[in-house]
């Protein structure tokens, strides 16, 4: 019930905002308003990674456009490859981890509020 009320309120506010905007346009804003009204609808705020340009070792430039290829390129660029001889199933409990630099404290809401206040 509250979700429906929220949705209706949002639609009403958007409609009112748009009508107020249309009432205030002048002759200089007509073209901009036309572009707003005739433009393609947005993607709803989804993140869209722009075309990536990858430079190969020999200097060739490759433009990556598909999301699958962008994902692969970003992974190869930023994610470290495991060392030679490392097997992911080698979880025998005998791992040799470096000594901790500090003690771990879980983040709580108060920390977040302090950081953004």
C-alpha atoms as a PDB file:
ATOM      1  CA  UNK A   1       0.000   0.000   0.000  1.00  0.00           C
ATOM      2  CA  UNK A   2       2.760   2.451   0.959  1.00  0.00           C
ATOM      3  CA  UNK A   3       4.714   1.501  -2.152  1.00  0.00           C
ATOM      4  CA  UNK A   4       1.729   2.402  -4.367  1.00  0.00           C
ATOM      5  CA  UNK A   5       1.287   5.699  -2.515  1.00  0.00           C
ATOM      6  CA  UNK A   6       4.995   6.483  -2.935  1.00  0.00           C
ATOM      7  CA  UNK A   7       4.814   5.686  -6.661  1.00  0.00           C
ATOM      8  CA  UNK A   8       1.758   7.892  -7.154  1.00  0.00           C
ATOM      9  CA  UNK A   9       3.351  10.739  -5.214  1.00  0.00           C
ATOM     10  CA  UNK A  10       6.511  10.453  -7.311  1.00  0.00           C
ATOM     11  CA  UNK A  11       4.520  10.570 -10.568  1.00  0.00           C
ATOM     12  CA  UNK A  12       2.543  13.584  -9.324  1.00  0.00           C
ATOM     13  CA  UNK A  13       5.684  15.481  -8.316  1.00  0.00           C
ATOM     14  CA  UNK A  14       7.405  14.706 -11.627  1.00  0.00           C
ATOM     15  CA  UNK A  15       4.346  15.835 -13.572  1.00  0.00           C
ATOM     16  CA  UNK A  16       4.066  19.045 -11.523  1.00  0.00           C
ATOM     17  CA  UNK A  17       7.795  19.770 -11.938  1.00  0.00           C
ATOM     18  CA  UNK A  18       7.586  19.224 -15.715  1.00  0.00           C
ATOM     19  CA  UNK A  19       4.487  21.424 -16.053  1.00  0.00           C
ATOM     20  CA  UNK A  20       6.172  24.201 -14.051  1.00  0.00           C
ATOM     21  CA  UNK A  21       9.233  23.886 -16.274  1.00  0.00           C
ATOM     22  CA  UNK A  22       7.116  24.145 -19.440  1.00  0.00           C
ATOM     23  CA  UNK A  23       5.348  27.232 -18.105  1.00  0.00           C
ATOM     24  CA  UNK A  24       8.663  29.023 -17.552  1.00  0.00           C
ATOM     25  CA  UNK A  25      10.354  28.373 -20.902  1.00  0.00           C
ATOM     26  CA  UNK A  26      11.166  31.308 -23.124  1.00  0.00           C
ATOM     27  CA  UNK A  27      12.102  31.567 -26.780  1.00  0.00           C
ATOM     28  CA  UNK A  28      15.745  30.741 -26.019  1.00  0.00           C
ATOM     29  CA  UNK A  29      14.815  27.529 -24.197  1.00  0.00           C
ATOM     30  CA  UNK A  30      12.460  26.140 -26.858  1.00  0.00           C
ATOM     31  CA  UNK A  31      15.171  24.130 -28.625  1.00  0.00           C
ATOM     32  CA  UNK A  32      16.421  22.600 -25.364  1.00  0.00           C
ATOM     33  CA  UNK A  33      12.865  21.728 -24.370  1.00  0.00           C
ATOM     34  CA  UNK A  34      12.309  20.138 -27.770  1.00  0.00           C
ATOM     35  CA  UNK A  35      15.421  17.988 -27.263  1.00  0.00           C
ATOM     36  CA  UNK A  36      14.162  16.874 -23.843  1.00  0.00           C
ATOM     37  CA  UNK A  37      10.790  15.901 -25.247  1.00  0.00           C
ATOM     38  CA  UNK A  38      11.957  14.182 -28.423  1.00  0.00           C
ATOM     39  CA  UNK A  39      15.080  12.496 -27.070  1.00  0.00           C
ATOM     40  CA  UNK A  40      15.412   8.795 -26.493  1.00  0.00           C
ATOM     41  CA  UNK A  41      14.355   7.618 -23.051  1.00  0.00           C
ATOM     42  CA  UNK A  42      17.181   7.063 -20.619  1.00  0.00           C
ATOM     43  CA  UNK A  43      18.347   3.686 -19.411  1.00  0.00           C
ATOM     44  CA  UNK A  44      16.968   4.201 -15.907  1.00  0.00           C
ATOM     45  CA  UNK A  45      20.317   5.110 -14.367  1.00  0.00           C
ATOM     46  CA  UNK A  46      22.140   1.923 -15.336  1.00  0.00           C
ATOM     47  CA  UNK A  47      25.879   2.242 -15.427  1.00  0.00           C
ATOM     48  CA  UNK A  48      27.165   2.264 -18.971  1.00  0.00           C
ATOM     49  CA  UNK A  49      30.877   1.829 -19.515  1.00  0.00           C
ATOM     50  CA  UNK A  50      31.985   3.833 -22.558  1.00  0.00           C
ATOM     51  CA  UNK A  51      33.863   2.238 -25.428  1.00  0.00           C
ATOM     52  CA  UNK A  52      37.315   1.246 -24.235  1.00  0.00           C
ATOM     53  CA  UNK A  53      40.461   1.686 -26.286  1.00  0.00           C
ATOM     54  CA  UNK A  54      43.059  -1.002 -25.728  1.00  0.00           C
ATOM     55  CA  UNK A  55      46.591  -0.404 -26.974  1.00  0.00           C
ATOM     56  CA  UNK A  56      48.431  -3.589 -27.872  1.00  0.00           C
ATOM     57  CA  UNK A  57      52.185  -3.996 -27.363  1.00  0.00           C
ATOM     58  CA  UNK A  58      52.798  -3.400 -31.088  1.00  0.00           C
ATOM     59  CA  UNK A  59      50.881  -0.068 -30.945  1.00  0.00           C
ATOM     60  CA  UNK A  60      47.630  -1.235 -32.544  1.00  0.00           C
ATOM     61  CA  UNK A  61      44.491   0.250 -30.983  1.00  0.00           C
ATOM     62  CA  UNK A  62      41.461  -1.954 -30.408  1.00  0.00           C
ATOM     63  CA  UNK A  63      38.086  -0.421 -29.552  1.00  0.00           C
ATOM     64  CA  UNK A  64      36.087  -2.625 -27.195  1.00  0.00           C
ATOM     65  CA  UNK A  65      32.334  -2.078 -27.400  1.00  0.00           C
ATOM     66  CA  UNK A  66      30.526  -5.184 -26.101  1.00  0.00           C
ATOM     67  CA  UNK A  67      29.969  -5.536 -22.366  1.00  0.00           C
ATOM     68  CA  UNK A  68      31.435  -9.045 -22.394  1.00  0.00           C
ATOM     69  CA  UNK A  69      34.670  -7.827 -23.980  1.00  0.00           C
ATOM     70  CA  UNK A  70      34.818  -4.743 -21.720  1.00  0.00           C
ATOM     71  CA  UNK A  71      34.471  -7.017 -18.719  1.00  0.00           C
ATOM     72  CA  UNK A  72      37.275  -9.264 -19.946  1.00  0.00           C
ATOM     73  CA  UNK A  73      39.584  -6.309 -20.701  1.00  0.00           C
ATOM     74  CA  UNK A  74      38.954  -4.689 -17.307  1.00  0.00           C
ATOM     75  CA  UNK A  75      39.520  -8.004 -15.531  1.00  0.00           C
ATOM     76  CA  UNK A  76      42.779  -8.644 -17.365  1.00  0.00           C
ATOM     77  CA  UNK A  77      43.928  -5.089 -16.639  1.00  0.00           C
ATOM     78  CA  UNK A  78      43.046  -4.734 -12.957  1.00  0.00           C
ATOM     79  CA  UNK A  79      42.778  -8.222 -11.453  1.00  0.00           C
ATOM     80  CA  UNK A  80      46.078  -9.872 -10.577  1.00  0.00           C
ATOM     81  CA  UNK A  81      46.680 -13.300 -12.040  1.00  0.00           C
ATOM     82  CA  UNK A  82      47.405 -16.055  -9.514  1.00  0.00           C
ATOM     83  CA  UNK A  83      51.052 -17.061  -9.180  1.00  0.00           C
ATOM     84  CA  UNK A  84      52.362 -19.952 -11.244  1.00  0.00           C
ATOM     85  CA  UNK A  85      51.590 -23.256  -9.574  1.00  0.00           C
ATOM     86  CA  UNK A  86      48.711 -21.855  -7.523  1.00  0.00           C
ATOM     87  CA  UNK A  87      45.653 -24.050  -7.470  1.00  0.00           C
ATOM     88  CA  UNK A  88      42.443 -22.541  -6.176  1.00  0.00           C
ATOM     89  CA  UNK A  89      41.518 -25.829  -4.505  1.00  0.00           C
ATOM     90  CA  UNK A  90      44.714 -25.688  -2.400  1.00  0.00           C
ATOM     91  CA  UNK A  91      42.851 -24.749   0.752  1.00  0.00           C
ATOM     92  CA  UNK A  92      44.488 -27.215   3.094  1.00  0.00           C
ATOM     93  CA  UNK A  93      44.784 -24.781   5.978  1.00  0.00           C
ATOM     94  CA  UNK A  94      48.568 -24.515   5.689  1.00  0.00           C
ATOM     95  CA  UNK A  95      48.546 -21.140   3.979  1.00  0.00           C
ATOM     96  CA  UNK A  96      51.390 -18.817   4.946  1.00  0.00           C
ATOM     97  CA  UNK A  97      49.806 -15.370   5.336  1.00  0.00           C
ATOM     98  CA  UNK A  98      51.787 -12.244   6.223  1.00  0.00           C
ATOM     99  CA  UNK A  99      51.478 -10.838   9.729  1.00  0.00           C
ATOM    100  CA  UNK A 100      48.516  -8.478  10.205  1.00  0.00           C
ATOM    101  CA  UNK A 101      49.367  -4.764  10.054  1.00  0.00           C
ATOM    102  CA  UNK A 102      46.390  -3.772  12.231  1.00  0.00           C
ATOM    103  CA  UNK A 103      43.514  -5.414  14.039  1.00  0.00           C
ATOM    104  CA  UNK A 104      40.256  -5.695  12.120  1.00  0.00           C
ATOM    105  CA  UNK A 105      37.213  -3.848  13.396  1.00  0.00           C
ATOM    106  CA  UNK A 106      33.896  -4.272  11.587  1.00  0.00           C
ATOM    107  CA  UNK A 107      32.379  -1.085  10.181  1.00  0.00           C
ATOM    108  CA  UNK A 108      29.263   0.062  11.984  1.00  0.00           C
ATOM    109  CA  UNK A 109      26.616   2.627  11.032  1.00  0.00           C
ATOM    110  CA  UNK A 110      28.135   5.228  13.370  1.00  0.00           C
ATOM    111  CA  UNK A 111      31.396   5.121  11.351  1.00  0.00           C
ATOM    112  CA  UNK A 112      29.520   5.689   8.112  1.00  0.00           C
ATOM    113  CA  UNK A 113      27.478   8.561   9.535  1.00  0.00           C
ATOM    114  CA  UNK A 114      30.623  10.184  10.925  1.00  0.00           C
ATOM    115  CA  UNK A 115      32.318   9.935   7.523  1.00  0.00           C
ATOM    116  CA  UNK A 116      29.463  11.476   5.551  1.00  0.00           C
ATOM    117  CA  UNK A 117      28.385  14.105   8.092  1.00  0.00           C
END
